[in-house]
Amino acid sequence: MAEQPPATQRGANAAPATIVLAGATGDLGFRIAQALLRRGAVVRALVRSGNAKPEVTALRGMGAEIVEVDFNSVTALMKACAGAACVVSALSGLRDVIVDGQKRLLDAVVAAGVPRFIPSDYSIDYTKLPNGSNRNLDLRREFNQRLDQAPIQATSILNGMFTDLLTGQAPVVLFGLKRVLYYGDADQPLDFTTTANTAEFTAAAALDPTAPRYLRVAGEVATVRGLQAAATAVTGQPFKLLRVGPVAVLGAMIKVTKALMPTSDDVFPPWQGMQYLHNMFTGLPKLTPLDNARYPDIRWTSVRQVLATRK
């Protein structure tokens, strides 16, 4: 893949931009760090004190600066963010992280005089969804309402569903049954982007001082029938469609599942994944317009390519 020269976004004689990254030891955050380093950025990864994950060692080996910080201290975060061109959040969690933790990080970024902030969104278009339809996206909407009031330039990356989930975690392409399960309309367009492509795009946006408030991308826009065709092509076996019922049936199943499950701190309980699929099958959070062409060096991975990686 051809790399976009750093000078494209910073000017030919400018020093490499410093990007502060929170959540760098997670899957997406680690990939964002790698993509930033490939683009010539100076990466300052914020980690909790005593973090001994192998990703910390790997990041250090790749040339990233590792900064141990107290995420509960705005003062400590402010010092860690000083001098950055942009702060990127790839944090994952519930209210204590997505709302409260990111609010402390935002306060620190503003106090440090950092001009830009990218929140941990990476999702379908929650701006089009009603409150209460998706717990995790409600938290992102709440934080972004605060972000919109802050004196800082912000950019949210919206990428639909991670295509990688179709290889097993998302109960849509059922390889054992040779079925593609869905609710509602089999011709409803759905947005899919791989974790790797999302990371690449986020890195490019972090180095782009002209990036707008929202950027929407989809590695592929596919219908359920398109998923059926892709699964058939990569396996060489015919897949059929399995319509469970209208979208309202999935909504009712979500209510029952939530009622039967004990309250937990799990970020992704079964009913949360069901909420995400329900949102997508309604068509409400469809991403439009798409900004895929904004950074032309990115090569988008198709659904078929992802399904082909399943062993």
C-alpha atoms as a PDB file:
ATOM      1  CA  MET A   1       0.000   0.000   0.000  1.00  0.00           C
ATOM      2  CA  ALA A   2       1.376   3.395  -0.968  1.00  0.00           C
ATOM      3  CA  GLU A   3       1.847   5.600   2.065  1.00  0.00           C
ATOM      4  CA  GLN A   4       0.660   9.176   2.133  1.00  0.00           C
ATOM      5  CA  PRO A   5       3.660  11.480   2.688  1.00  0.00           C
ATOM      6  CA  PRO A   6       3.425  13.303   6.011  1.00  0.00           C
ATOM      7  CA  ALA A   7       4.122  16.569   4.196  1.00  0.00           C
ATOM      8  CA  THR A   8       0.739  16.225   2.482  1.00  0.00           C
ATOM      9  CA  GLN A   9      -0.943  17.301   5.677  1.00  0.00           C
ATOM     10  CA  ARG A  10       1.721  19.194   7.614  1.00  0.00           C
ATOM     11  CA  GLY A  11       3.761  21.097   5.091  1.00  0.00           C
ATOM     12  CA  ALA A  12       7.042  20.073   3.513  1.00  0.00           C
ATOM     13  CA  ASN A  13       9.335  21.574   6.167  1.00  0.00           C
ATOM     14  CA  ALA A  14       7.245  20.893   9.278  1.00  0.00           C
ATOM     15  CA  ALA A  15       8.438  18.636  12.082  1.00  0.00           C
ATOM     16  CA  PRO A  16       6.567  15.326  12.526  1.00  0.00           C
ATOM     17  CA  ALA A  17       3.252  15.820  14.293  1.00  0.00           C
ATOM     18  CA  THR A  18       2.900  14.402  17.801  1.00  0.00           C
ATOM     19  CA  ILE A  19      -0.298  12.408  18.268  1.00  0.00           C
ATOM     20  CA  VAL A  20      -1.343  11.364  21.768  1.00  0.00           C
ATOM     21  CA  LEU A  21      -3.231   8.084  21.835  1.00  0.00           C
ATOM     22  CA  ALA A  22      -5.378   6.823  24.719  1.00  0.00           C
ATOM     23  CA  GLY A  23      -6.373   3.172  24.555  1.00  0.00           C
ATOM     24  CA  ALA A  24      -3.324   2.129  22.560  1.00  0.00           C
ATOM     25  CA  THR A  25      -3.169  -1.389  24.039  1.00  0.00           C
ATOM     26  CA  GLY A  26      -6.595  -2.393  22.743  1.00  0.00           C
ATOM     27  CA  ASP A  27      -7.053  -4.014  19.341  1.00  0.00           C
ATOM     28  CA  LEU A  28      -8.188  -0.867  17.537  1.00  0.00           C
ATOM     29  CA  GLY A  29      -5.878   1.463  19.473  1.00  0.00           C
ATOM     30  CA  PHE A  30      -2.839  -0.704  18.765  1.00  0.00           C
ATOM     31  CA  ARG A  31      -3.658  -0.662  15.057  1.00  0.00           C
ATOM     32  CA  ILE A  32      -4.121   3.129  15.125  1.00  0.00           C
ATOM     33  CA  ALA A  33      -0.671   3.480  16.709  1.00  0.00           C
ATOM     34  CA  GLN A  34       0.864   1.317  13.983  1.00  0.00           C
ATOM     35  CA  ALA A  35      -0.882   3.311  11.246  1.00  0.00           C
ATOM     36  CA  LEU A  36       0.268   6.617  12.748  1.00  0.00           C
ATOM     37  CA  LEU A  37       3.868   5.430  12.911  1.00  0.00           C
ATOM     38  CA  ARG A  38       3.709   4.312   9.267  1.00  0.00           C
ATOM     39  CA  ARG A  39       2.574   7.822   8.367  1.00  0.00           C
ATOM     40  CA  GLY A  40       5.561   9.376  10.102  1.00  0.00           C
ATOM     41  CA  ALA A  41       3.835  10.662  13.239  1.00  0.00           C
ATOM     42  CA  VAL A  42       5.382  10.807  16.686  1.00  0.00           C
ATOM     43  CA  VAL A  43       3.117   8.601  18.805  1.00  0.00           C
ATOM     44  CA  ARG A  44       2.747   9.182  22.546  1.00  0.00           C
ATOM     45  CA  ALA A  45       0.741   6.287  23.984  1.00  0.00           C
ATOM     46  CA  LEU A  46      -0.933   6.859  27.342  1.00  0.00           C
ATOM     47  CA  VAL A  47      -1.125   3.750  29.527  1.00  0.00           C
ATOM     48  CA  ARG A  48      -2.096   3.135  33.124  1.00  0.00           C
ATOM     49  CA  SER A  49       0.720   2.791  35.628  1.00  0.00           C
ATOM     50  CA  GLY A  50       1.986  -0.762  35.831  1.00  0.00           C
ATOM     51  CA  ASN A  51       0.430  -1.809  32.515  1.00  0.00           C
ATOM     52  CA  ALA A  52       2.340  -4.968  31.601  1.00  0.00           C
ATOM     53  CA  LYS A  53       0.460  -5.959  28.451  1.00  0.00           C
ATOM     54  CA  PRO A  54       2.671  -7.235  25.619  1.00  0.00           C
ATOM     55  CA  GLU A  55       1.306  -4.424  23.466  1.00  0.00           C
ATOM     56  CA  VAL A  56       3.206  -1.921  25.630  1.00  0.00           C
ATOM     57  CA  THR A  57       6.501  -3.632  24.847  1.00  0.00           C
ATOM     58  CA  ALA A  58       5.549  -3.925  21.193  1.00  0.00           C
ATOM     59  CA  LEU A  59       4.642  -0.239  20.925  1.00  0.00           C
ATOM     60  CA  ARG A  60       7.905   0.776  22.545  1.00  0.00           C
ATOM     61  CA  GLY A  61       9.784  -1.453  20.135  1.00  0.00           C
ATOM     62  CA  MET A  62       8.065   0.197  17.180  1.00  0.00           C
ATOM     63  CA  GLY A  63       9.196   3.624  18.334  1.00  0.00           C
ATOM     64  CA  ALA A  64       6.164   4.901  20.228  1.00  0.00           C
ATOM     65  CA  GLU A  65       6.700   6.880  23.424  1.00  0.00           C
ATOM     66  CA  ILE A  66       5.006   5.159  26.375  1.00  0.00           C
ATOM     67  CA  VAL A  67       3.702   7.486  29.075  1.00  0.00           C
ATOM     68  CA  GLU A  68       2.269   6.008  32.263  1.00  0.00           C
ATOM     69  CA  VAL A  69      -0.461   8.282  33.537  1.00  0.00           C
ATOM     70  CA  ASP A  70      -3.221   8.445  36.125  1.00  0.00           C
ATOM     71  CA  PHE A  71      -6.397   8.615  34.023  1.00  0.00           C
ATOM     72  CA  ASN A  72      -8.291   9.963  37.040  1.00  0.00           C
ATOM     73  CA  SER A  73      -6.073  13.064  37.200  1.00  0.00           C
ATOM     74  CA  VAL A  74      -6.785  15.927  34.796  1.00  0.00           C
ATOM     75  CA  THR A  75      -3.470  17.510  35.783  1.00  0.00           C
ATOM     76  CA  ALA A  76      -1.504  14.372  34.950  1.00  0.00           C
ATOM     77  CA  LEU A  77      -3.338  13.972  31.655  1.00  0.00           C
ATOM     78  CA  MET A  78      -2.751  17.639  30.797  1.00  0.00           C
ATOM     79  CA  LYS A  79       1.012  17.226  31.233  1.00  0.00           C
ATOM     80  CA  ALA A  80       0.971  14.053  29.137  1.00  0.00           C
ATOM     81  CA  CYS A  81      -0.918  15.754  26.288  1.00  0.00           C
ATOM     82  CA  ALA A  82       1.159  18.955  26.160  1.00  0.00           C
ATOM     83  CA  GLY A  83       2.546  19.759  22.731  1.00  0.00           C
ATOM     84  CA  ALA A  84       0.357  17.340  20.787  1.00  0.00           C
ATOM     85  CA  ALA A  85      -1.278  18.215  17.486  1.00  0.00           C
ATOM     86  CA  CYS A  86      -4.191  15.886  18.176  1.00  0.00           C
ATOM     87  CA  VAL A  87      -5.362  13.522  20.909  1.00  0.00           C
ATOM     88  CA  VAL A  88      -7.045  10.303  19.763  1.00  0.00           C
ATOM     89  CA  SER A  89      -9.196   8.241  22.108  1.00  0.00           C
ATOM     90  CA  ALA A  90      -9.625   4.525  21.461  1.00  0.00           C
ATOM     91  CA  LEU A  91     -10.875   3.837  24.971  1.00  0.00           C
ATOM     92  CA  SER A  92     -13.492   1.159  25.523  1.00  0.00           C
ATOM     93  CA  GLY A  93     -15.889   0.825  28.433  1.00  0.00           C
ATOM     94  CA  LEU A  94     -19.142   2.020  29.910  1.00  0.00           C
ATOM     95  CA  ARG A  95     -20.084   5.340  31.528  1.00  0.00           C
ATOM     96  CA  ASP A  96     -17.009   5.523  33.754  1.00  0.00           C
ATOM     97  CA  VAL A  97     -14.814   5.415  30.650  1.00  0.00           C
ATOM     98  CA  ILE A  98     -16.785   6.748  27.672  1.00  0.00           C
ATOM     99  CA  VAL A  99     -18.418   9.670  29.501  1.00  0.00           C
ATOM    100  CA  ASP A 100     -16.497  10.345  32.726  1.00  0.00           C
ATOM    101  CA  GLY A 101     -13.045   9.200  31.625  1.00  0.00           C
ATOM    102  CA  GLN A 102     -13.191  10.907  28.248  1.00  0.00           C
ATOM    103  CA  LYS A 103     -14.511  14.059  29.922  1.00  0.00           C
ATOM    104  CA  ARG A 104     -11.385  14.196  32.100  1.00  0.00           C
ATOM    105  CA  LEU A 105      -9.248  13.571  29.035  1.00  0.00           C
ATOM    106  CA  LEU A 106     -11.081  16.309  27.128  1.00  0.00           C
ATOM    107  CA  ASP A 107     -10.640  18.785  29.984  1.00  0.00           C
ATOM    108  CA  ALA A 108      -6.924  17.965  30.029  1.00  0.00           C
ATOM    109  CA  VAL A 109      -6.612  18.353  26.253  1.00  0.00           C
ATOM    110  CA  VAL A 110      -8.291  21.764  26.313  1.00  0.00           C
ATOM    111  CA  ALA A 111      -6.162  22.911  29.271  1.00  0.00           C
ATOM    112  CA  ALA A 112      -3.016  21.762  27.457  1.00  0.00           C
ATOM    113  CA  GLY A 113      -3.921  23.803  24.395  1.00  0.00           C
ATOM    114  CA  VAL A 114      -4.143  20.814  22.042  1.00  0.00           C
ATOM    115  CA  PRO A 115      -6.100  21.966  18.969  1.00  0.00           C
ATOM    116  CA  ARG A 116      -7.854  18.712  18.003  1.00  0.00           C
ATOM    117  CA  PHE A 117      -9.573  15.695  19.575  1.00  0.00           C
ATOM    118  CA  ILE A 118     -10.914  12.427  18.140  1.00  0.00           C
ATOM    119  CA  PRO A 119     -13.337  10.651  20.517  1.00  0.00           C
ATOM    120  CA  SER A 120     -13.848   6.901  20.791  1.00  0.00           C
ATOM    121  CA  ASP A 121     -16.858   6.512  18.498  1.00  0.00           C
ATOM    122  CA  TYR A 122     -16.036   4.075  15.649  1.00  0.00           C
ATOM    123  CA  SER A 123     -19.621   2.980  15.107  1.00  0.00           C
ATOM    124  CA  ILE A 124     -22.782   3.287  13.059  1.00  0.00           C
ATOM    125  CA  ASP A 125     -24.272   6.778  12.856  1.00  0.00           C
ATOM    126  CA  TYR A 126     -25.608   7.194  16.408  1.00  0.00           C
ATOM    127  CA  THR A 127     -26.637  10.773  15.598  1.00  0.00           C
ATOM    128  CA  LYS A 128     -29.617   9.328  13.713  1.00  0.00           C
ATOM    129  CA  LEU A 129     -30.756   6.936  16.458  1.00  0.00           C
ATOM    130  CA  PRO A 130     -33.306   7.622  19.199  1.00  0.00           C
ATOM    131  CA  ASN A 131     -32.168   7.618  22.817  1.00  0.00           C
ATOM    132  CA  GLY A 132     -32.566   4.236  24.444  1.00  0.00           C
ATOM    133  CA  SER A 133     -32.082   2.183  21.282  1.00  0.00           C
ATOM    134  CA  ASN A 134     -28.453   1.312  22.034  1.00  0.00           C
ATOM    135  CA  ARG A 135     -26.838   1.677  25.469  1.00  0.00           C
ATOM    136  CA  ASN A 136     -23.229   1.966  24.283  1.00  0.00           C
ATOM    137  CA  LEU A 137     -24.094   4.469  21.565  1.00  0.00           C
ATOM    138  CA  ASP A 138     -26.210   6.507  23.996  1.00  0.00           C
ATOM    139  CA  LEU A 139     -23.024   6.990  26.055  1.00  0.00           C
ATOM    140  CA  ARG A 140     -21.130   8.164  22.978  1.00  0.00           C
ATOM    141  CA  ARG A 141     -23.894  10.594  22.091  1.00  0.00           C
ATOM    142  CA  GLU A 142     -23.866  11.969  25.643  1.00  0.00           C
ATOM    143  CA  PHE A 143     -20.123  12.522  25.598  1.00  0.00           C
ATOM    144  CA  ASN A 144     -20.199  14.133  22.160  1.00  0.00           C
ATOM    145  CA  GLN A 145     -22.804  16.622  23.342  1.00  0.00           C
ATOM    146  CA  ARG A 146     -20.206  17.750  25.880  1.00  0.00           C
ATOM    147  CA  LEU A 147     -17.494  17.668  23.234  1.00  0.00           C
ATOM    148  CA  ASP A 148     -19.506  19.983  20.984  1.00  0.00           C
ATOM    149  CA  GLN A 149     -19.514  22.588  23.768  1.00  0.00           C
ATOM    150  CA  ALA A 150     -15.740  22.457  24.278  1.00  0.00           C
ATOM    151  CA  PRO A 151     -13.418  25.023  22.624  1.00  0.00           C
ATOM    152  CA  ILE A 152     -11.685  22.449  20.446  1.00  0.00           C
ATOM    153  CA  GLN A 153     -11.854  21.065  16.909  1.00  0.00           C
ATOM    154  CA  ALA A 154     -13.285  17.545  17.043  1.00  0.00           C
ATOM    155  CA  THR A 155     -13.639  14.754  14.501  1.00  0.00           C
ATOM    156  CA  SER A 156     -15.699  11.597  15.003  1.00  0.00           C
ATOM    157  CA  ILE A 157     -14.991   8.531  12.878  1.00  0.00           C
ATOM    158  CA  LEU A 158     -18.109   6.519  11.995  1.00  0.00           C
ATOM    159  CA  ASN A 159     -17.452   3.186  10.268  1.00  0.00           C
ATOM    160  CA  GLY A 160     -20.553   1.011  10.634  1.00  0.00           C
ATOM    161  CA  MET A 161     -19.920  -2.515  11.938  1.00  0.00           C
ATOM    162  CA  PHE A 162     -16.427  -3.989  12.086  1.00  0.00           C
ATOM    163  CA  THR A 163     -16.395  -6.459   9.188  1.00  0.00           C
ATOM    164  CA  ASP A 164     -14.174  -8.774  11.243  1.00  0.00           C
ATOM    165  CA  LEU A 165     -17.188  -9.645  13.419  1.00  0.00           C
ATOM    166  CA  LEU A 166     -18.809 -11.460  10.489  1.00  0.00           C
ATOM    167  CA  THR A 167     -16.342 -14.330  10.823  1.00  0.00           C
ATOM    168  CA  GLY A 168     -18.028 -15.547  13.987  1.00  0.00           C
ATOM    169  CA  GLN A 169     -18.817 -13.013  16.709  1.00  0.00           C
ATOM    170  CA  ALA A 170     -21.816 -11.447  14.966  1.00  0.00           C
ATOM    171  CA  PRO A 171     -24.608 -14.044  14.526  1.00  0.00           C
ATOM    172  CA  VAL A 172     -25.327 -13.150  10.905  1.00  0.00           C
ATOM    173  CA  VAL A 173     -23.283 -15.430   8.632  1.00  0.00           C
ATOM    174  CA  LEU A 174     -23.938 -18.886  10.116  1.00  0.00           C
ATOM    175  CA  PHE A 175     -21.236 -21.032   8.526  1.00  0.00           C
ATOM    176  CA  GLY A 176     -22.317 -24.279  10.174  1.00  0.00           C
ATOM    177  CA  LEU A 177     -25.907 -23.951   8.952  1.00  0.00           C
ATOM    178  CA  LYS A 178     -24.985 -22.359   5.597  1.00  0.00           C
ATOM    179  CA  ARG A 179     -27.430 -19.547   6.315  1.00  0.00           C
ATOM    180  CA  VAL A 180     -27.360 -15.762   6.535  1.00  0.00           C
ATOM    181  CA  LEU A 181     -29.657 -14.713   9.369  1.00  0.00           C
ATOM    182  CA  TYR A 182     -31.504 -11.411   9.270  1.00  0.00           C
ATOM    183  CA  TYR A 183     -34.545  -9.437  10.348  1.00  0.00           C
ATOM    184  CA  GLY A 184     -36.619  -7.152   8.160  1.00  0.00           C
ATOM    185  CA  ASP A 185     -35.510  -6.436   4.590  1.00  0.00           C
ATOM    186  CA  ALA A 186     -32.811  -8.532   2.886  1.00  0.00           C
ATOM    187  CA  ASP A 187     -32.083  -5.585   0.598  1.00  0.00           C
ATOM    188  CA  GLN A 188     -31.362  -3.061   3.379  1.00  0.00           C
ATOM    189  CA  PRO A 189     -27.869  -1.578   2.759  1.00  0.00           C
ATOM    190  CA  LEU A 190     -25.497  -2.162   5.688  1.00  0.00           C
ATOM    191  CA  ASP A 191     -22.105  -0.545   6.385  1.00  0.00           C
ATOM    192  CA  PHE A 192     -19.032  -2.675   7.138  1.00  0.00           C
ATOM    193  CA  THR A 193     -15.410  -1.625   7.720  1.00  0.00           C
ATOM    194  CA  THR A 194     -12.527  -3.722   8.990  1.00  0.00           C
ATOM    195  CA  THR A 195     -10.752  -2.782  12.196  1.00  0.00           C
ATOM    196  CA  ALA A 196      -7.539  -2.316  10.202  1.00  0.00           C
ATOM    197  CA  ASN A 197      -9.165   0.068   7.690  1.00  0.00           C
ATOM    198  CA  THR A 198     -10.818   2.014  10.524  1.00  0.00           C
ATOM    199  CA  ALA A 199      -7.414   2.408  12.178  1.00  0.00           C
ATOM    200  CA  GLU A 200      -5.794   3.545   8.931  1.00  0.00           C
ATOM    201  CA  PHE A 201      -8.505   6.128   8.335  1.00  0.00           C
ATOM    202  CA  THR A 202      -8.361   7.373  11.931  1.00  0.00           C
ATOM    203  CA  ALA A 203      -4.590   7.828  11.683  1.00  0.00           C
ATOM    204  CA  ALA A 204      -4.973   9.831   8.475  1.00  0.00           C
ATOM    205  CA  ALA A 205      -7.683  11.982  10.071  1.00  0.00           C
ATOM    206  CA  ALA A 206      -5.530  12.601  13.152  1.00  0.00           C
ATOM    207  CA  LEU A 207      -2.851  14.088  10.882  1.00  0.00           C
ATOM    208  CA  ASP A 208      -5.375  16.121   8.888  1.00  0.00           C
ATOM    209  CA  PRO A 209      -5.981  19.559  10.449  1.00  0.00           C
ATOM    210  CA  THR A 210      -8.847  20.172   8.005  1.00  0.00           C
ATOM    211  CA  ALA A 211     -10.843  17.088   9.048  1.00  0.00           C
ATOM    212  CA  PRO A 212     -14.523  17.971   9.661  1.00  0.00           C
ATOM    213  CA  ARG A 213     -16.678  17.154  12.709  1.00  0.00           C
ATOM    214  CA  TYR A 214     -17.836  13.817  11.299  1.00  0.00           C
ATOM    215  CA  LEU A 215     -16.183  11.456   8.834  1.00  0.00           C
ATOM    216  CA  ARG A 216     -18.163   8.459   7.594  1.00  0.00           C
ATOM    217  CA  VAL A 217     -16.580   5.445   5.902  1.00  0.00           C
ATOM    218  CA  ALA A 218     -17.562   1.951   4.852  1.00  0.00           C
ATOM    219  CA  GLY A 219     -15.129  -0.609   3.511  1.00  0.00           C
ATOM    220  CA  GLU A 220     -18.161  -2.105   1.804  1.00  0.00           C
ATOM    221  CA  VAL A 221     -21.870  -1.368   1.745  1.00  0.00           C
ATOM    222  CA  ALA A 222     -23.545  -4.768   1.505  1.00  0.00           C
ATOM    223  CA  THR A 223     -27.071  -6.101   1.784  1.00  0.00           C
ATOM    224  CA  VAL A 224     -27.972  -9.428   3.376  1.00  0.00           C
ATOM    225  CA  ARG A 225     -28.174 -10.820  -0.142  1.00  0.00           C
ATOM    226  CA  GLY A 226     -24.679  -9.512  -0.729  1.00  0.00           C
ATOM    227  CA  LEU A 227     -23.463 -11.314   2.396  1.00  0.00           C
ATOM    228  CA  GLN A 228     -25.133 -14.455   1.082  1.00  0.00           C
ATOM    229  CA  ALA A 229     -23.315 -14.147  -2.242  1.00  0.00           C
ATOM    230  CA  ALA A 230     -19.973 -13.481  -0.527  1.00  0.00           C
ATOM    231  CA  ALA A 231     -20.314 -16.474   1.816  1.00  0.00           C
ATOM    232  CA  THR A 232     -21.275 -18.724  -1.092  1.00  0.00           C
ATOM    233  CA  ALA A 233     -18.321 -17.517  -3.157  1.00  0.00           C
ATOM    234  CA  VAL A 234     -15.645 -18.000  -0.495  1.00  0.00           C
ATOM    235  CA  THR A 235     -16.864 -21.398   0.753  1.00  0.00           C
ATOM    236  CA  GLY A 236     -17.942 -22.870  -2.564  1.00  0.00           C
ATOM    237  CA  GLN A 237     -21.145 -24.001  -0.866  1.00  0.00           C
ATOM    238  CA  PRO A 238     -24.591 -22.453  -1.370  1.00  0.00           C
ATOM    239  CA  PHE A 239     -25.797 -20.289   1.502  1.00  0.00           C
ATOM    240  CA  LYS A 240     -29.491 -19.571   1.969  1.00  0.00           C
ATOM    241  CA  LEU A 241     -31.278 -16.704   3.685  1.00  0.00           C
ATOM    242  CA  LEU A 242     -32.882 -17.186   7.099  1.00  0.00           C
ATOM    243  CA  ARG A 243     -35.409 -14.448   7.886  1.00  0.00           C
ATOM    244  CA  VAL A 244     -36.410 -14.642  11.539  1.00  0.00           C
ATOM    245  CA  GLY A 245     -39.100 -11.990  11.182  1.00  0.00           C
ATOM    246  CA  PRO A 246     -39.587  -8.225  11.035  1.00  0.00           C
ATOM    247  CA  VAL A 247     -37.202  -5.949  12.894  1.00  0.00           C
ATOM    248  CA  ALA A 248     -39.811  -5.588  15.650  1.00  0.00           C
ATOM    249  CA  VAL A 249     -39.279  -9.261  16.535  1.00  0.00           C
ATOM    250  CA  LEU A 250     -35.614  -8.562  17.282  1.00  0.00           C
ATOM    251  CA  GLY A 251     -36.674  -5.583  19.384  1.00  0.00           C
ATOM    252  CA  ALA A 252     -38.928  -7.827  21.466  1.00  0.00           C
ATOM    253  CA  MET A 253     -36.130 -10.391  21.853  1.00  0.00           C
ATOM    254  CA  ILE A 254     -33.830  -7.672  23.174  1.00  0.00           C
ATOM    255  CA  LYS A 255     -36.313  -6.717  25.877  1.00  0.00           C
ATOM    256  CA  VAL A 256     -36.714 -10.344  26.974  1.00  0.00           C
ATOM    257  CA  THR A 257     -32.956 -10.962  26.972  1.00  0.00           C
ATOM    258  CA  LYS A 258     -32.266  -7.859  29.062  1.00  0.00           C
ATOM    259  CA  ALA A 259     -34.972  -8.828  31.545  1.00  0.00           C
ATOM    260  CA  LEU A 260     -33.560 -12.336  31.982  1.00  0.00           C
ATOM    261  CA  MET A 261     -29.926 -11.314  32.321  1.00  0.00           C
ATOM    262  CA  PRO A 262     -28.519 -10.077  35.632  1.00  0.00           C
ATOM    263  CA  THR A 263     -27.040  -6.601  35.709  1.00  0.00           C
ATOM    264  CA  SER A 264     -23.340  -6.701  34.900  1.00  0.00           C
ATOM    265  CA  ASP A 265     -20.444  -4.452  33.951  1.00  0.00           C
ATOM    266  CA  ASP A 266     -19.899  -6.319  30.690  1.00  0.00           C
ATOM    267  CA  VAL A 267     -19.328  -3.824  27.868  1.00  0.00           C
ATOM    268  CA  PHE A 268     -20.757  -6.204  25.272  1.00  0.00           C
ATOM    269  CA  PRO A 269     -23.442  -8.450  26.805  1.00  0.00           C
ATOM    270  CA  PRO A 270     -25.494 -10.466  24.275  1.00  0.00           C
ATOM    271  CA  TRP A 271     -28.311  -7.938  24.202  1.00  0.00           C
ATOM    272  CA  GLN A 272     -25.870  -5.143  23.317  1.00  0.00           C
ATOM    273  CA  GLY A 273     -24.871  -6.945  20.129  1.00  0.00           C
ATOM    274  CA  MET A 274     -28.553  -7.506  19.427  1.00  0.00           C
ATOM    275  CA  GLN A 275     -29.164  -3.761  19.805  1.00  0.00           C
ATOM    276  CA  TYR A 276     -26.430  -3.026  17.279  1.00  0.00           C
ATOM    277  CA  LEU A 277     -27.932  -5.423  14.723  1.00  0.00           C
ATOM    278  CA  HIS A 278     -31.409  -4.041  15.388  1.00  0.00           C
ATOM    279  CA  ASN A 279     -30.143  -0.526  14.689  1.00  0.00           C
ATOM    280  CA  MET A 280     -28.503  -1.615  11.439  1.00  0.00           C
ATOM    281  CA  PHE A 281     -31.479  -3.603  10.157  1.00  0.00           C
ATOM    282  CA  THR A 282     -33.776  -0.580  10.667  1.00  0.00           C
ATOM    283  CA  GLY A 283     -31.651   1.396   8.213  1.00  0.00           C
ATOM    284  CA  LEU A 284     -31.730   4.471  10.452  1.00  0.00           C
ATOM    285  CA  PRO A 285     -27.958   4.719  11.098  1.00  0.00           C
ATOM    286  CA  LYS A 286     -26.932   4.196   7.440  1.00  0.00           C
ATOM    287  CA  LEU A 287     -23.802   6.236   6.798  1.00  0.00           C
ATOM    288  CA  THR A 288     -24.153   8.954   4.181  1.00  0.00           C
ATOM    289  CA  PRO A 289     -22.356  10.577   2.514  1.00  0.00           C
ATOM    290  CA  LEU A 290     -19.267   8.378   2.615  1.00  0.00           C
ATOM    291  CA  ASP A 291     -15.810   9.929   2.913  1.00  0.00           C
ATOM    292  CA  ASN A 292     -13.849   6.915   1.665  1.00  0.00           C
ATOM    293  CA  ALA A 293     -12.054   8.945  -0.997  1.00  0.00           C
ATOM    294  CA  ARG A 294     -10.696  11.567   1.417  1.00  0.00           C
ATOM    295  CA  TYR A 295      -7.414   9.660   1.910  1.00  0.00           C
ATOM    296  CA  PRO A 296      -6.911   7.889  -1.439  1.00  0.00           C
ATOM    297  CA  ASP A 297      -3.956   5.756  -0.303  1.00  0.00           C
ATOM    298  CA  ILE A 298      -6.250   3.560   1.814  1.00  0.00           C
ATOM    299  CA  ARG A 299      -7.254   0.300   0.135  1.00  0.00           C
ATOM    300  CA  TRP A 300     -10.593  -0.862   1.458  1.00  0.00           C
ATOM    301  CA  THR A 301     -11.078  -4.513   2.419  1.00  0.00           C
ATOM    302  CA  SER A 302     -14.267  -6.158   1.168  1.00  0.00           C
ATOM    303  CA  VAL A 303     -16.653  -8.453   3.020  1.00  0.00           C
ATOM    304  CA  ARG A 304     -15.616 -11.307   0.747  1.00  0.00           C
ATOM    305  CA  GLN A 305     -11.943 -10.828   1.641  1.00  0.00           C
ATOM    306  CA  VAL A 306     -12.763 -10.954   5.359  1.00  0.00           C
ATOM    307  CA  LEU A 307     -14.979 -14.038   5.090  1.00  0.00           C
ATOM    308  CA  ALA A 308     -12.207 -15.756   3.144  1.00  0.00           C
ATOM    309  CA  THR A 309      -9.902 -15.473   6.165  1.00  0.00           C
ATOM    310  CA  ARG A 310     -12.154 -17.678   8.290  1.00  0.00           C
ATOM    311  CA  LYS A 311     -10.608 -21.095   8.838  1.00  0.00           C
END
